[in-house]
Amino acid sequence: MAPTAVLFDFDGVIADAENYHVAAWQRTLVRMGWEVADEVAARAVEQDDHAFAAELFADRGVVEADLDGWVRKKQELTVRMIRLHPRAYPGVAELFRALAGRTRIAVVSTTWRENVEALLEAAGLADAVELIVAKEDVKALKPAPDAYVRALKRLRVAASRAVAVEDSPRGLAAAEAAGLRRLAVGHRREAGDWVGDADFVPAFEPLADVLAQLGFPDRNPA
């Protein structure tokens, strides 16, 4: 049975976002005279901004840092970069167009809402997305299932009638805990233990293969 809703993670699934977060933190912290190596800043891709900032400041012996203020500065810079250079993965726009009218599309992410909105608008994809559940909307982030549970509730769709598209073990665990069928997308990452028992596609191309994995095998992408 074709799914009533497809729930997409954002960073790493829709948005090729790693460079945004790395560069934004590096440029933000240079205001303090700190040079942060790429491999250190790259931890921000997998961590909440507040957790990353707290760890970084603690490592440098800064006890009373204005974490909220520095996170806000980093976030403002991230949004500007997204709007100037929206980087959606290849095949995202074509996939959204192919799903239009056949299922409902939502974005369920642990990033800030304005990041999602900025990229969708800049890439011309905003009209395709019915619902966004972002980090502001839940108390517990992935791997907790809260964001997916909230999305299903707001869409009024049963978990059995939806599929989640994820790119990380934490995201896949959150979707599984919410009772969702899962499709892992690799993009630049090969299949491996991180996929678990979820279905897998290496990318969003070829389109027909992705549609078949989502539950639309009769779709003719031409």
C-alpha atoms as a PDB file:
ATOM      1  CA  MET A   1       0.000   0.000   0.000  1.00  0.00           C
ATOM      2  CA  ALA A   2       1.344   3.425  -0.945  1.00  0.00           C
ATOM      3  CA  PRO A   3       2.083   5.645   2.048  1.00  0.00           C
ATOM      4  CA  THR A   4      -0.258   8.482   2.948  1.00  0.00           C
ATOM      5  CA  ALA A   5       2.702  10.583   4.097  1.00  0.00           C
ATOM      6  CA  VAL A   6       6.450  10.671   3.545  1.00  0.00           C
ATOM      7  CA  LEU A   7       8.401  12.279   6.391  1.00  0.00           C
ATOM      8  CA  PHE A   8      11.845  13.579   5.419  1.00  0.00           C
ATOM      9  CA  ASP A   9      14.687  14.418   7.739  1.00  0.00           C
ATOM     10  CA  PHE A  10      16.418  17.651   6.674  1.00  0.00           C
ATOM     11  CA  ASP A  11      20.196  17.838   7.231  1.00  0.00           C
ATOM     12  CA  GLY A  12      21.815  15.018   5.269  1.00  0.00           C
ATOM     13  CA  VAL A  13      18.593  14.012   3.513  1.00  0.00           C
ATOM     14  CA  ILE A  14      17.257  17.139   1.799  1.00  0.00           C
ATOM     15  CA  ALA A  15      20.003  19.641   2.573  1.00  0.00           C
ATOM     16  CA  ASP A  16      23.692  19.104   1.897  1.00  0.00           C
ATOM     17  CA  ALA A  17      24.243  21.068   5.085  1.00  0.00           C
ATOM     18  CA  GLU A  18      27.534  19.974   6.654  1.00  0.00           C
ATOM     19  CA  ASN A  19      29.533  22.913   5.265  1.00  0.00           C
ATOM     20  CA  TYR A  20      26.936  25.403   6.521  1.00  0.00           C
ATOM     21  CA  HIS A  21      27.389  24.358  10.141  1.00  0.00           C
ATOM     22  CA  VAL A  22      31.159  23.964   9.996  1.00  0.00           C
ATOM     23  CA  ALA A  23      31.739  27.327   8.311  1.00  0.00           C
ATOM     24  CA  ALA A  24      29.183  29.154  10.452  1.00  0.00           C
ATOM     25  CA  TRP A  25      30.805  28.023  13.697  1.00  0.00           C
ATOM     26  CA  GLN A  26      34.301  28.784  12.439  1.00  0.00           C
ATOM     27  CA  ARG A  27      33.326  32.295  11.309  1.00  0.00           C
ATOM     28  CA  THR A  28      31.401  32.947  14.506  1.00  0.00           C
ATOM     29  CA  LEU A  29      34.212  31.876  16.813  1.00  0.00           C
ATOM     30  CA  VAL A  30      36.876  33.783  14.915  1.00  0.00           C
ATOM     31  CA  ARG A  31      35.237  36.877  16.429  1.00  0.00           C
ATOM     32  CA  MET A  32      36.689  35.647  19.719  1.00  0.00           C
ATOM     33  CA  GLY A  33      40.068  35.115  18.132  1.00  0.00           C
ATOM     34  CA  TRP A  34      39.584  31.360  18.083  1.00  0.00           C
ATOM     35  CA  GLU A  35      40.609  29.279  15.100  1.00  0.00           C
ATOM     36  CA  VAL A  36      38.634  26.050  15.129  1.00  0.00           C
ATOM     37  CA  ALA A  37      39.912  23.190  12.995  1.00  0.00           C
ATOM     38  CA  ASP A  38      37.604  21.603  10.445  1.00  0.00           C
ATOM     39  CA  GLU A  39      37.553  18.285  12.293  1.00  0.00           C
ATOM     40  CA  VAL A  40      36.487  20.018  15.509  1.00  0.00           C
ATOM     41  CA  ALA A  41      33.836  22.181  13.859  1.00  0.00           C
ATOM     42  CA  ALA A  42      32.547  19.096  12.041  1.00  0.00           C
ATOM     43  CA  ARG A  43      31.287  17.753  15.388  1.00  0.00           C
ATOM     44  CA  ALA A  44      28.573  20.421  15.174  1.00  0.00           C
ATOM     45  CA  VAL A  45      27.006  18.483  12.306  1.00  0.00           C
ATOM     46  CA  GLU A  46      26.055  15.666  14.681  1.00  0.00           C
ATOM     47  CA  GLN A  47      25.498  17.733  17.846  1.00  0.00           C
ATOM     48  CA  ASP A  48      22.911  20.209  19.055  1.00  0.00           C
ATOM     49  CA  ASP A  49      24.311  23.751  18.791  1.00  0.00           C
ATOM     50  CA  HIS A  50      24.074  24.395  22.529  1.00  0.00           C
ATOM     51  CA  ALA A  51      25.760  21.089  23.354  1.00  0.00           C
ATOM     52  CA  PHE A  52      28.549  21.763  20.858  1.00  0.00           C
ATOM     53  CA  ALA A  53      29.140  25.291  22.155  1.00  0.00           C
ATOM     54  CA  ALA A  54      29.102  24.157  25.790  1.00  0.00           C
ATOM     55  CA  GLU A  55      31.655  21.433  25.071  1.00  0.00           C
ATOM     56  CA  LEU A  56      33.887  23.781  23.100  1.00  0.00           C
ATOM     57  CA  PHE A  57      33.859  26.506  25.739  1.00  0.00           C
ATOM     58  CA  ALA A  58      34.466  23.975  28.512  1.00  0.00           C
ATOM     59  CA  ASP A  59      37.463  22.552  26.633  1.00  0.00           C
ATOM     60  CA  ARG A  60      38.933  26.056  26.549  1.00  0.00           C
ATOM     61  CA  GLY A  61      38.250  26.749  30.211  1.00  0.00           C
ATOM     62  CA  VAL A  62      35.568  29.386  29.615  1.00  0.00           C
ATOM     63  CA  VAL A  63      33.162  29.092  32.540  1.00  0.00           C
ATOM     64  CA  GLU A  64      30.571  31.845  32.065  1.00  0.00           C
ATOM     65  CA  ALA A  65      30.097  32.019  28.311  1.00  0.00           C
ATOM     66  CA  ASP A  66      26.932  33.477  26.788  1.00  0.00           C
ATOM     67  CA  LEU A  67      26.018  30.234  25.035  1.00  0.00           C
ATOM     68  CA  ASP A  68      22.633  31.479  23.859  1.00  0.00           C
ATOM     69  CA  GLY A  69      24.219  34.557  22.351  1.00  0.00           C
ATOM     70  CA  TRP A  70      26.921  32.660  20.478  1.00  0.00           C
ATOM     71  CA  VAL A  71      24.448  30.076  19.223  1.00  0.00           C
ATOM     72  CA  ARG A  72      22.218  32.901  17.994  1.00  0.00           C
ATOM     73  CA  LYS A  73      25.129  34.507  16.117  1.00  0.00           C
ATOM     74  CA  LYS A  74      26.016  31.184  14.528  1.00  0.00           C
ATOM     75  CA  GLN A  75      22.397  30.569  13.573  1.00  0.00           C
ATOM     76  CA  GLU A  76      22.010  33.980  11.930  1.00  0.00           C
ATOM     77  CA  LEU A  77      25.092  33.307   9.829  1.00  0.00           C
ATOM     78  CA  THR A  78      23.872  29.811   8.911  1.00  0.00           C
ATOM     79  CA  VAL A  79      20.560  31.154   7.601  1.00  0.00           C
ATOM     80  CA  ARG A  80      22.322  33.803   5.517  1.00  0.00           C
ATOM     81  CA  MET A  81      24.533  31.170   3.913  1.00  0.00           C
ATOM     82  CA  ILE A  82      21.567  28.905   3.189  1.00  0.00           C
ATOM     83  CA  ARG A  83      19.672  31.704   1.484  1.00  0.00           C
ATOM     84  CA  LEU A  84      22.672  32.734  -0.591  1.00  0.00           C
ATOM     85  CA  HIS A  85      23.681  29.187  -1.567  1.00  0.00           C
ATOM     86  CA  PRO A  86      20.814  26.708  -1.097  1.00  0.00           C
ATOM     87  CA  ARG A  87      22.324  23.248  -1.408  1.00  0.00           C
ATOM     88  CA  ALA A  88      19.703  20.564  -1.846  1.00  0.00           C
ATOM     89  CA  TYR A  89      20.936  17.091  -2.746  1.00  0.00           C
ATOM     90  CA  PRO A  90      20.559  16.004  -6.375  1.00  0.00           C
ATOM     91  CA  GLY A  91      17.160  14.512  -7.077  1.00  0.00           C
ATOM     92  CA  VAL A  92      15.300  16.190  -4.201  1.00  0.00           C
ATOM     93  CA  ALA A  93      13.286  18.559  -6.394  1.00  0.00           C
ATOM     94  CA  GLU A  94      12.429  15.795  -8.863  1.00  0.00           C
ATOM     95  CA  LEU A  95      11.357  13.475  -6.041  1.00  0.00           C
ATOM     96  CA  PHE A  96       9.128  16.114  -4.473  1.00  0.00           C
ATOM     97  CA  ARG A  97       7.501  16.800  -7.853  1.00  0.00           C
ATOM     98  CA  ALA A  98       6.928  13.086  -8.416  1.00  0.00           C
ATOM     99  CA  LEU A  99       5.289  12.722  -4.995  1.00  0.00           C
ATOM    100  CA  ALA A 100       3.052  15.785  -5.429  1.00  0.00           C
ATOM    101  CA  GLY A 101      -0.596  14.775  -5.440  1.00  0.00           C
ATOM    102  CA  ARG A 102       0.252  11.194  -4.500  1.00  0.00           C
ATOM    103  CA  THR A 103       1.205  11.593  -0.861  1.00  0.00           C
ATOM    104  CA  ARG A 104       1.699  14.231   1.815  1.00  0.00           C
ATOM    105  CA  ILE A 105       5.205  15.549   2.413  1.00  0.00           C
ATOM    106  CA  ALA A 106       6.548  16.682   5.783  1.00  0.00           C
ATOM    107  CA  VAL A 107       9.980  17.613   7.092  1.00  0.00           C
ATOM    108  CA  VAL A 108      10.845  16.244  10.541  1.00  0.00           C
ATOM    109  CA  SER A 109      14.170  17.614  11.720  1.00  0.00           C
ATOM    110  CA  THR A 110      16.354  18.345  14.719  1.00  0.00           C
ATOM    111  CA  THR A 111      17.569  21.581  13.165  1.00  0.00           C
ATOM    112  CA  TRP A 112      16.044  25.047  13.566  1.00  0.00           C
ATOM    113  CA  ARG A 113      12.822  25.769  11.666  1.00  0.00           C
ATOM    114  CA  GLU A 114      14.281  28.835   9.946  1.00  0.00           C
ATOM    115  CA  ASN A 115      17.032  26.681   8.407  1.00  0.00           C
ATOM    116  CA  VAL A 116      14.419  24.415   6.855  1.00  0.00           C
ATOM    117  CA  GLU A 117      12.234  27.273   5.672  1.00  0.00           C
ATOM    118  CA  ALA A 118      15.199  29.186   4.232  1.00  0.00           C
ATOM    119  CA  LEU A 119      16.382  26.301   2.076  1.00  0.00           C
ATOM    120  CA  LEU A 120      12.921  25.203   0.940  1.00  0.00           C
ATOM    121  CA  GLU A 121      12.076  28.763  -0.116  1.00  0.00           C
ATOM    122  CA  ALA A 122      15.407  29.390  -1.824  1.00  0.00           C
ATOM    123  CA  ALA A 123      15.235  26.064  -3.659  1.00  0.00           C
ATOM    124  CA  GLY A 124      11.600  26.568  -4.719  1.00  0.00           C
ATOM    125  CA  LEU A 125      10.357  23.591  -2.691  1.00  0.00           C
ATOM    126  CA  ALA A 126       8.319  25.300   0.026  1.00  0.00           C
ATOM    127  CA  ASP A 127       4.937  24.722  -1.635  1.00  0.00           C
ATOM    128  CA  ALA A 128       5.529  20.960  -1.737  1.00  0.00           C
ATOM    129  CA  VAL A 129       5.898  20.611   2.047  1.00  0.00           C
ATOM    130  CA  GLU A 130       2.734  20.487   4.117  1.00  0.00           C
ATOM    131  CA  LEU A 131       4.293  20.386   7.568  1.00  0.00           C
ATOM    132  CA  ILE A 132       7.601  21.147   9.280  1.00  0.00           C
ATOM    133  CA  VAL A 133       8.434  19.781  12.726  1.00  0.00           C
ATOM    134  CA  ALA A 134      11.696  21.318  13.932  1.00  0.00           C
ATOM    135  CA  LYS A 135      13.772  21.334  17.105  1.00  0.00           C
ATOM    136  CA  GLU A 136      11.682  24.140  18.624  1.00  0.00           C
ATOM    137  CA  ASP A 137       8.607  21.913  18.502  1.00  0.00           C
ATOM    138  CA  VAL A 138       9.760  19.103  20.792  1.00  0.00           C
ATOM    139  CA  LYS A 139      11.513  18.673  24.126  1.00  0.00           C
ATOM    140  CA  ALA A 140      13.489  15.563  23.208  1.00  0.00           C
ATOM    141  CA  LEU A 141      15.429  15.397  19.949  1.00  0.00           C
ATOM    142  CA  LYS A 142      16.213  12.299  17.904  1.00  0.00           C
ATOM    143  CA  PRO A 143      16.832   9.441  18.701  1.00  0.00           C
ATOM    144  CA  ALA A 144      13.735  10.122  20.810  1.00  0.00           C
ATOM    145  CA  PRO A 145      10.614   9.597  18.671  1.00  0.00           C
ATOM    146  CA  ASP A 146       8.934  12.849  19.798  1.00  0.00           C
ATOM    147  CA  ALA A 147       9.314  14.748  16.515  1.00  0.00           C
ATOM    148  CA  TYR A 148       7.868  11.905  14.461  1.00  0.00           C
ATOM    149  CA  VAL A 149       5.045  11.340  16.909  1.00  0.00           C
ATOM    150  CA  ARG A 150       4.186  15.033  16.740  1.00  0.00           C
ATOM    151  CA  ALA A 151       4.256  15.032  12.941  1.00  0.00           C
ATOM    152  CA  LEU A 152       1.954  12.021  12.706  1.00  0.00           C
ATOM    153  CA  LYS A 153      -0.441  13.571  15.189  1.00  0.00           C
ATOM    154  CA  ARG A 154      -0.598  16.869  13.328  1.00  0.00           C
ATOM    155  CA  LEU A 155      -1.057  15.130   9.983  1.00  0.00           C
ATOM    156  CA  ARG A 156      -3.615  12.754  11.530  1.00  0.00           C
ATOM    157  CA  VAL A 157      -1.851   9.854   9.836  1.00  0.00           C
ATOM    158  CA  ALA A 158      -1.225   6.465  11.438  1.00  0.00           C
ATOM    159  CA  ALA A 159       2.399   5.367  11.666  1.00  0.00           C
ATOM    160  CA  SER A 160       1.537   2.315   9.581  1.00  0.00           C
ATOM    161  CA  ARG A 161       0.563   4.608   6.684  1.00  0.00           C
ATOM    162  CA  ALA A 162       3.762   6.669   6.615  1.00  0.00           C
ATOM    163  CA  VAL A 163       7.449   6.241   5.832  1.00  0.00           C
ATOM    164  CA  ALA A 164      10.437   8.164   7.212  1.00  0.00           C
ATOM    165  CA  VAL A 165      13.492   9.018   5.104  1.00  0.00           C
ATOM    166  CA  GLU A 166      16.639   9.309   7.218  1.00  0.00           C
ATOM    167  CA  ASP A 167      20.433   9.389   6.896  1.00  0.00           C
ATOM    168  CA  SER A 168      21.700   8.536  10.389  1.00  0.00           C
ATOM    169  CA  PRO A 169      21.396   5.878  13.083  1.00  0.00           C
ATOM    170  CA  ARG A 170      19.794   8.392  15.448  1.00  0.00           C
ATOM    171  CA  GLY A 171      17.173   9.380  12.916  1.00  0.00           C
ATOM    172  CA  LEU A 172      16.420   5.798  11.978  1.00  0.00           C
ATOM    173  CA  ALA A 173      16.090   4.892  15.665  1.00  0.00           C
ATOM    174  CA  ALA A 174      13.639   7.763  16.201  1.00  0.00           C
ATOM    175  CA  ALA A 175      11.527   6.658  13.258  1.00  0.00           C
ATOM    176  CA  GLU A 176      11.550   3.039  14.391  1.00  0.00           C
ATOM    177  CA  ALA A 177      10.491   4.046  17.913  1.00  0.00           C
ATOM    178  CA  ALA A 178       7.572   5.955  16.386  1.00  0.00           C
ATOM    179  CA  GLY A 179       6.471   2.811  14.530  1.00  0.00           C
ATOM    180  CA  LEU A 180       7.408   4.035  11.058  1.00  0.00           C
ATOM    181  CA  ARG A 181       8.707   2.171   8.071  1.00  0.00           C
ATOM    182  CA  ARG A 182      12.162   3.553   7.289  1.00  0.00           C
ATOM    183  CA  LEU A 183      14.148   4.329   4.170  1.00  0.00           C
ATOM    184  CA  ALA A 184      17.815   5.218   4.655  1.00  0.00           C
ATOM    185  CA  VAL A 185      19.498   7.382   2.020  1.00  0.00           C
ATOM    186  CA  GLY A 186      23.268   7.322   1.744  1.00  0.00           C
ATOM    187  CA  HIS A 187      24.080  10.186  -0.605  1.00  0.00           C
ATOM    188  CA  ARG A 188      27.869  10.071  -0.065  1.00  0.00           C
ATOM    189  CA  ARG A 189      27.679   7.327   2.565  1.00  0.00           C
ATOM    190  CA  GLU A 190      27.646   3.645   1.707  1.00  0.00           C
ATOM    191  CA  ALA A 191      25.234   1.168   3.241  1.00  0.00           C
ATOM    192  CA  GLY A 192      26.521  -0.453   6.411  1.00  0.00           C
ATOM    193  CA  ASP A 193      25.661  -1.312   9.968  1.00  0.00           C
ATOM    194  CA  TRP A 194      24.170   2.157  10.446  1.00  0.00           C
ATOM    195  CA  VAL A 195      21.249   1.204   8.178  1.00  0.00           C
ATOM    196  CA  GLY A 196      20.108  -1.673  10.387  1.00  0.00           C
ATOM    197  CA  ASP A 197      17.028  -3.356   8.940  1.00  0.00           C
ATOM    198  CA  ALA A 198      15.775  -0.243   7.129  1.00  0.00           C
ATOM    199  CA  ASP A 199      15.485  -0.150   3.344  1.00  0.00           C
ATOM    200  CA  PHE A 200      18.333   1.680   1.621  1.00  0.00           C
ATOM    201  CA  VAL A 201      18.906   3.808  -1.467  1.00  0.00           C
ATOM    202  CA  PRO A 202      22.336   5.255  -2.303  1.00  0.00           C
ATOM    203  CA  ALA A 203      20.845   8.542  -3.524  1.00  0.00           C
ATOM    204  CA  PHE A 204      17.619  10.075  -4.837  1.00  0.00           C
ATOM    205  CA  GLU A 205      18.584   9.031  -8.354  1.00  0.00           C
ATOM    206  CA  PRO A 206      17.440   7.114 -10.336  1.00  0.00           C
ATOM    207  CA  LEU A 207      14.018   8.429  -9.425  1.00  0.00           C
ATOM    208  CA  ALA A 208      12.094   5.263 -10.317  1.00  0.00           C
ATOM    209  CA  ASP A 209      14.116   3.213  -7.823  1.00  0.00           C
ATOM    210  CA  VAL A 210      13.461   5.671  -4.995  1.00  0.00           C
ATOM    211  CA  LEU A 211       9.748   5.828  -5.749  1.00  0.00           C
ATOM    212  CA  ALA A 212       9.559   2.031  -5.732  1.00  0.00           C
ATOM    213  CA  GLN A 213      11.268   1.872  -2.331  1.00  0.00           C
ATOM    214  CA  LEU A 214       8.838   4.441  -0.952  1.00  0.00           C
ATOM    215  CA  GLY A 215       5.857   2.432  -2.165  1.00  0.00           C
ATOM    216  CA  PHE A 216       5.062   3.868  -5.599  1.00  0.00           C
ATOM    217  CA  PRO A 217       6.362   1.156  -7.962  1.00  0.00           C
ATOM    218  CA  ASP A 218       3.931   2.045 -10.741  1.00  0.00           C
ATOM    219  CA  ARG A 219       5.230   5.604 -11.093  1.00  0.00           C
ATOM    220  CA  ASN A 220       6.665   6.499 -14.504  1.00  0.00           C
ATOM    221  CA  PRO A 221       9.162   9.309 -13.855  1.00  0.00           C
ATOM    222  CA  ALA A 222       9.274  10.168 -17.536  1.00  0.00           C
END
